[in-house]
Protein backbone atom coordinates (compact mmCIF):
# COMPACT_ATOMS: atom_id res chain seq x y z
CA MET A 1 0.00 0.00 0.00
CA ALA A 2 1.26 3.48 -0.86
CA THR A 3 0.43 6.84 0.68
CA LEU A 4 1.24 9.93 -1.36
CA ARG A 5 1.57 13.27 0.41
CA ILE A 6 1.67 16.57 -1.51
CA PRO A 7 2.74 19.12 1.12
CA ASP A 8 2.40 22.30 -0.95
CA LYS A 9 -1.23 21.41 -1.71
CA ASN A 10 -1.94 19.93 1.74
CA VAL A 11 -3.23 16.76 0.07
CA THR A 12 -2.76 13.12 1.04
CA LEU A 13 -3.74 10.28 -1.31
CA ALA A 14 -4.11 6.73 0.02
CA ASP A 15 -6.45 5.12 -2.47
CA PRO A 16 -4.31 3.06 -4.91
CA SER A 17 -6.24 4.22 -7.99
CA ALA A 18 -5.96 7.89 -6.93
CA VAL A 19 -2.20 7.52 -6.34
CA ARG A 20 -1.76 5.82 -9.70
CA GLN A 21 -3.82 8.46 -11.54
CA PHE A 22 -1.85 11.33 -9.96
CA LEU A 23 1.51 9.77 -10.81
CA ASP A 24 0.45 8.65 -14.30
CA GLY A 25 -0.34 12.27 -15.13
CA ARG A 26 3.25 13.13 -14.31
CA GLY A 27 4.82 10.39 -16.39
CA ILE A 28 5.62 8.20 -13.36
CA VAL A 29 4.71 4.53 -13.55
CA HIS A 30 3.38 3.24 -10.22
CA GLU A 31 2.63 -0.47 -9.95
CA ARG A 32 2.49 -2.99 -7.11
CA TRP A 33 4.55 -6.08 -7.88
CA PHE A 34 4.89 -9.35 -5.99
CA ALA A 35 8.13 -11.31 -5.65
CA ASP A 36 8.31 -14.84 -7.06
CA ARG A 37 9.86 -16.08 -3.80
CA ASP A 38 9.99 -15.28 -0.09
CA LEU A 39 12.58 -12.62 0.73
CA PRO A 40 14.37 -12.50 4.09
CA SER A 41 14.43 -9.37 6.19
CA GLY A 42 17.39 -7.30 5.08
CA ALA A 43 17.57 -8.97 1.67
CA SER A 44 20.35 -7.65 -0.54
CA ASN A 45 19.72 -5.64 -3.71
CA GLU A 46 20.76 -8.68 -5.76
CA GLN A 47 18.24 -10.92 -3.99
CA ILE A 48 15.46 -8.37 -4.48
CA LEU A 49 16.22 -7.90 -8.17
CA ALA A 50 16.32 -11.65 -8.72
CA ALA A 51 12.91 -12.08 -7.05
CA TYR A 52 11.34 -9.53 -9.41
CA ASP A 53 13.31 -10.46 -12.50
CA TYR A 54 10.27 -12.06 -14.18
CA LEU A 55 8.57 -8.64 -14.16
CA LEU A 56 11.59 -6.40 -14.54
CA LYS A 57 12.92 -7.87 -17.79
CA PRO A 58 9.75 -7.35 -19.88
CA PHE A 59 9.21 -3.92 -18.31
CA MET A 60 12.74 -2.78 -19.16
CA GLU A 61 12.47 -4.11 -22.69
CA LYS A 62 9.13 -2.34 -23.21
CA CYS A 63 10.40 1.01 -21.89
CA GLY A 64 13.95 0.85 -23.24
CA TYR A 65 15.66 0.97 -19.82
CA GLN A 66 19.24 -0.30 -19.61
CA THR A 67 19.79 -0.42 -15.83
CA MET A 68 17.76 -0.89 -12.64
CA ASP A 69 18.25 -0.01 -9.00
CA VAL A 70 16.75 -0.69 -5.58
CA ILE A 71 15.90 2.10 -3.14
CA HIS A 72 15.04 1.14 0.47
CA VAL A 73 12.69 3.59 2.19
CA ASP A 74 10.81 3.09 5.47
CA GLU A 75 9.93 5.07 8.58
CA HIS A 76 13.51 4.79 9.85
CA THR A 77 15.23 5.87 6.64
CA GLN A 78 17.75 8.68 7.07
CA ASN A 79 18.53 11.42 4.51
CA LEU A 80 15.23 11.14 2.65
CA GLU A 81 15.96 14.39 0.81
CA GLY A 82 19.23 13.00 -0.51
CA ILE A 83 17.46 9.84 -1.70
CA ARG A 84 14.82 11.98 -3.36
CA GLU A 85 17.45 13.99 -5.22
CA LYS A 86 19.16 10.79 -6.36
CA PHE A 87 15.83 9.45 -7.64
CA ILE A 88 15.04 12.68 -9.50
CA ALA A 89 18.51 12.81 -11.07
CA GLY A 90 18.28 9.19 -12.20
CA SER A 91 14.81 9.75 -13.57
CA CYS A 92 15.87 12.82 -15.55
CA ARG A 93 18.75 10.93 -17.13
CA MET A 94 16.15 8.87 -18.97
CA ILE A 95 15.10 11.89 -21.05
CA ARG A 96 16.78 11.73 -24.44
CA PHE A 97 14.34 13.77 -26.53
CA VAL A 98 12.30 16.89 -25.74
CA LEU A 99 9.19 17.45 -27.85
CA LEU A 100 7.82 20.99 -27.73
CA ASP A 101 4.56 22.71 -28.51
CA ILE A 102 4.84 26.21 -29.98
CA GLU A 103 1.87 28.48 -29.22
CA GLY A 104 1.75 29.35 -25.50
CA THR A 105 4.94 27.36 -24.87
CA LEU A 106 7.74 28.93 -26.92
CA ILE A 107 5.92 32.03 -28.18
CA SER A 108 2.89 33.90 -26.91
CA VAL A 109 -0.61 32.91 -27.90
CA ALA A 110 -1.13 36.55 -28.90
CA PHE A 111 1.33 36.32 -31.79
CA VAL A 112 -0.68 33.55 -33.42
CA ARG A 113 -4.14 34.90 -32.60
CA GLU A 114 -3.48 38.62 -33.07
CA VAL A 115 -0.85 38.63 -35.83
CA LEU A 116 -0.75 35.44 -37.90
CA PHE A 117 -4.47 34.69 -38.03
CA PRO A 118 -5.54 38.24 -38.99
CA PHE A 119 -2.84 38.37 -41.68
CA SER A 120 -4.03 35.12 -43.26
CA LYS A 121 -7.65 36.30 -43.15
CA HIS A 122 -6.74 39.60 -44.81
CA ARG A 123 -4.67 37.94 -47.54
CA LEU A 124 -6.85 34.86 -48.14
CA ALA A 125 -9.12 36.15 -50.92
CA PRO A 126 -6.44 37.91 -53.00
CA PHE A 127 -4.04 35.00 -52.44
CA LEU A 128 -6.53 32.47 -53.81
CA GLN A 129 -7.32 34.75 -56.75
CA GLU A 130 -3.69 35.42 -57.63
CA ARG A 131 -2.65 31.76 -57.40
CA ARG A 132 -5.74 29.93 -58.61
CA GLN A 133 -3.65 28.12 -61.27
CA ASP A 134 -0.91 27.12 -58.84
CA PRO A 135 -0.92 23.31 -58.34
CA SER A 136 0.47 23.65 -54.81
CA VAL A 137 -2.53 25.82 -53.91
CA LEU A 138 -5.07 23.71 -55.77
CA GLN A 139 -4.02 20.55 -53.94
CA TRP A 140 -5.26 22.15 -50.70
CA THR A 141 -8.32 23.95 -52.06
CA VAL A 142 -9.63 20.67 -53.49
CA VAL A 143 -9.29 19.06 -50.05
CA CYS A 144 -11.12 22.04 -48.51
CA GLN A 145 -13.94 21.62 -51.02
CA ASP A 146 -14.08 17.89 -50.28
CA THR A 147 -14.30 18.55 -46.54
CA ILE A 148 -17.06 21.15 -46.89
CA GLU A 149 -19.04 18.83 -49.20
CA HIS A 150 -18.68 16.01 -46.68
CA GLU A 151 -19.84 18.22 -43.81
CA THR A 152 -22.66 20.09 -45.55
CA GLY A 153 -23.67 17.95 -48.51
CA THR A 154 -22.93 20.82 -50.91
CA ARG A 155 -19.66 21.32 -52.79
CA PRO A 156 -18.61 24.99 -52.82
CA THR A 157 -17.15 26.70 -55.85
CA TYR A 158 -13.58 27.99 -55.79
CA GLU A 159 -14.95 31.55 -55.58
CA GLU A 160 -16.90 30.69 -52.41
CA LEU A 161 -13.86 29.40 -50.55
CA PRO A 162 -12.54 32.71 -49.10
CA VAL A 163 -15.69 33.31 -47.02
CA LEU A 164 -15.91 29.70 -45.89
CA LEU A 165 -12.23 29.41 -45.02
CA THR A 166 -12.33 32.70 -43.12
CA THR A 167 -14.94 31.08 -40.89
CA TRP A 168 -12.60 28.13 -40.38
CA ILE A 169 -9.82 30.51 -39.31
CA ASP A 170 -12.15 32.17 -36.79
CA GLN A 171 -13.02 28.71 -35.47
CA ASP A 172 -9.33 27.69 -35.40
CA ARG A 173 -10.09 24.49 -37.28
CA LYS A 174 -7.14 22.09 -37.04
CA LEU A 175 -7.35 20.92 -40.66
CA ALA A 176 -4.26 20.13 -42.71
CA SER A 177 -5.77 21.77 -45.81
CA LEU A 178 -6.38 25.07 -44.03
CA LYS A 179 -3.00 24.97 -42.31
CA GLY A 180 -1.32 24.30 -45.66
CA LEU A 181 -2.89 27.40 -47.22
CA GLN A 182 -2.12 29.52 -44.17
CA GLY A 183 1.50 28.40 -44.31
CA MET A 184 1.84 29.65 -47.89
CA ILE A 185 0.23 32.97 -46.99
CA TRP A 186 2.47 33.40 -43.96
CA ASP A 187 5.47 32.62 -46.13
CA GLU A 188 4.70 35.83 -48.04
CA GLY A 189 4.46 37.78 -44.79
CA TYR A 190 7.73 36.48 -43.38
CA ARG A 191 9.57 37.24 -46.61
CA GLN A 192 8.14 40.75 -46.65
CA GLY A 193 9.13 41.32 -43.02
CA ALA A 194 5.51 41.89 -42.04
CA PHE A 195 6.01 40.22 -38.66
CA LYS A 196 8.69 38.58 -36.52
CA PRO A 197 7.81 36.03 -33.82
CA GLU A 198 9.39 36.69 -30.43
CA LEU A 199 10.54 33.67 -28.45
CA TYR A 200 10.14 33.79 -24.68
CA GLY A 201 13.40 34.80 -23.02
CA ASP A 202 14.07 31.39 -21.46
CA VAL A 203 13.65 29.45 -24.71
CA LEU A 204 17.03 29.81 -26.43
CA PRO A 205 19.09 29.33 -23.23
CA ALA A 206 17.15 26.17 -22.37
CA LEU A 207 17.34 24.72 -25.89
CA THR A 208 21.05 25.47 -26.09
CA ILE A 209 21.73 23.75 -22.75
CA TRP A 210 19.72 20.67 -23.68
CA ARG A 211 21.40 20.34 -27.06
CA ALA A 212 24.82 20.68 -25.42
CA ARG A 213 23.90 17.79 -23.13
CA GLY A 214 23.06 15.58 -26.08
CA ILE A 215 19.29 15.83 -25.74
CA ARG A 216 17.50 15.79 -29.09
CA LEU A 217 14.76 18.33 -29.82
CA GLY A 218 11.61 18.38 -31.92
CA ILE A 219 8.41 20.35 -32.48
CA TYR A 220 4.79 19.14 -32.49
CA SER A 221 2.22 21.73 -33.54
CA SER A 222 -1.15 21.84 -35.26
CA GLY A 223 0.40 24.28 -37.72
CA SER A 224 1.85 22.72 -40.86
CA GLU A 225 5.49 21.69 -40.98
CA GLN A 226 6.06 24.52 -43.46
CA ALA A 227 4.54 27.07 -41.07
CA GLN A 228 6.66 25.75 -38.20
CA ARG A 229 9.90 26.03 -40.15
CA LEU A 230 8.98 29.54 -41.33
CA LEU A 231 8.33 30.69 -37.78
CA PHE A 232 11.64 29.41 -36.41
CA ALA A 233 13.55 30.77 -39.43
CA HIS A 234 12.35 34.33 -38.71
CA THR A 235 12.41 34.75 -34.93
CA ASN A 236 13.54 37.86 -33.08
CA ILE A 237 16.88 36.10 -32.40
CA GLY A 238 17.38 34.81 -35.92
CA ASP A 239 17.06 31.43 -37.61
CA VAL A 240 16.91 28.62 -35.03
CA THR A 241 15.54 25.85 -37.26
CA SER A 242 18.76 23.85 -36.94
CA LEU A 243 18.08 23.27 -33.23
CA PHE A 244 15.24 20.87 -34.07
CA GLU A 245 15.58 17.57 -35.89
CA HIS A 246 11.85 16.87 -36.24
CA TYR A 247 8.84 19.04 -37.10
CA PHE A 248 5.62 17.10 -36.49
CA ASP A 249 2.21 18.40 -37.55
CA THR A 250 -1.27 16.86 -37.65
CA SER A 251 -0.19 14.48 -40.39
CA VAL A 252 0.81 12.20 -37.48
CA GLY A 253 -2.59 12.71 -35.85
CA GLU A 254 -4.45 15.15 -33.62
CA LYS A 255 -2.59 16.50 -30.60
CA LYS A 256 -5.25 15.29 -28.16
CA ALA A 257 -5.07 11.69 -29.43
CA ALA A 258 -2.75 9.21 -27.67
CA SER A 259 -2.15 7.40 -30.96
CA SER A 260 -0.38 10.51 -32.32
CA TYR A 261 2.29 10.24 -29.63
CA ARG A 262 2.81 6.54 -30.33
CA THR A 263 3.46 7.47 -33.97
CA ILE A 264 5.90 10.20 -32.93
CA SER A 265 7.74 7.78 -30.63
CA GLU A 266 8.10 5.33 -33.50
CA GLN A 267 9.33 8.00 -35.91
CA ILE A 268 11.82 9.37 -33.38
CA GLY A 269 13.03 5.86 -32.68
CA LEU A 270 12.86 6.05 -28.89
CA PRO A 271 10.62 4.42 -26.26
CA PRO A 272 7.97 6.82 -24.86
CA GLY A 273 9.63 6.89 -21.44
CA HIS A 274 12.67 8.63 -22.93
CA ILE A 275 10.61 11.48 -24.44
CA LEU A 276 9.52 14.60 -22.57
CA PHE A 277 6.61 16.61 -24.02
CA LEU A 278 6.25 20.28 -23.07
CA SER A 279 2.98 22.09 -23.75
CA ASP A 280 0.66 24.71 -22.28
CA ALA A 281 -2.39 22.50 -23.04
CA GLU A 282 -3.32 19.93 -20.40
CA ALA A 283 -5.43 17.82 -22.77
CA GLU A 284 -2.39 17.34 -25.02
CA LEU A 285 -0.23 16.39 -22.04
CA ASP A 286 -2.89 13.92 -20.90
CA ALA A 287 -2.79 12.20 -24.30
CA ALA A 288 1.01 12.07 -24.29
CA ALA A 289 1.09 10.66 -20.76
CA LEU A 290 -1.30 7.87 -21.74
CA THR A 291 1.32 6.75 -24.25
CA GLY A 292 4.07 6.79 -21.61
CA PHE A 293 5.67 10.15 -22.45
CA ARG A 294 7.13 12.24 -19.67
CA THR A 295 5.22 15.51 -19.48
CA ALA A 296 5.53 19.03 -18.11
CA HIS A 297 3.01 21.87 -18.21
CA VAL A 298 4.57 25.15 -19.34
CA VAL A 299 2.84 27.98 -17.50
CA ARG A 300 3.08 31.34 -19.24
CA PRO A 301 1.20 34.55 -18.30
CA GLY A 302 -2.51 33.82 -18.51
CA THR A 303 -2.12 30.02 -18.23
CA ASN A 304 -3.66 28.21 -15.26
CA ALA A 305 -1.21 25.77 -13.70
CA SER A 306 -1.98 22.08 -14.17
CA THR A 307 -2.96 19.84 -11.28
CA ARG A 308 -2.10 16.69 -13.24
CA HIS A 309 1.39 17.44 -14.60
CA PRO A 310 4.60 19.03 -13.27
CA THR A 311 4.55 22.76 -13.96
CA TYR A 312 7.31 25.14 -15.05
CA SER A 313 7.23 28.85 -15.84
CA ASP A 314 10.93 28.93 -16.76
CA LEU A 315 12.32 26.25 -19.07
CA THR A 316 15.85 26.74 -17.76
CA ARG A 317 14.67 25.37 -14.42
CA LEU A 318 13.72 22.06 -15.98
CA PHE A 319 16.20 19.63 -14.50
CA LEU A 320 17.53 17.52 -17.39
CA GLU A 321 20.80 15.76 -16.79
CA GLU A 322 23.06 13.99 -19.26
């Protein structure tokens, strides 16, 4: 039986399902295992590991762990804080890849909602008119028409698309076809110097530190891969696209679907337990945690801190060891 105390919230959890749910939301696996033999009082680490070997081996293979350890804790244990620090350090060493959201995590929500979206709405009609013979545009407009026909039963003409797609922008529809068109429109804006995204001040220092420690980095956003690359190529501190080795968009699945994170894990080539996902959206973190990802809720101004995931307002304070 486990009792979990959360001093800063004055909460104590004793129900096994409540303890498991709380820890699962923070990327910590909590299970109760039974030894395959009787263990004497004061059993050595080797004896304990041998008694649980039938469970440990498949668990390590599933999660990609290379080593295991035994920590003895009871009411007489001394230096609990030191043991805690050792556990945290060992846990953080498992992180080999950091996957990051963009909006509300690396840049402000306002830049997307108050700069990018209005620009794409303003340019949508003339853009579609000027490039109506462009195959790269038509590939997305046809998909838009297909989607509208599927949803309404009526196929819109090309000329009707600007009004309909403007409504989609207002609704923030997470559709690859819309995001593809927006990416091309934003490309014009970036090249014209119409706007320049500003990264939060802790972003570059944190990314630089993680990269120096051998931790791989990637992006997962509902915006198209093209839009992601454009944004990071034109930030207030210059082109930082080379920091990231993967740019995932909704082609791998929706951000609130656990299956999307399984696909990302496969494409990265790492077990979920070695991947940390940072986002300002709890529902996305929930989905990632279900897959076994480590998670952390990035709390920027205006964001309510999560009660289900570790929270950080400064990425440089995220403890990631080599």
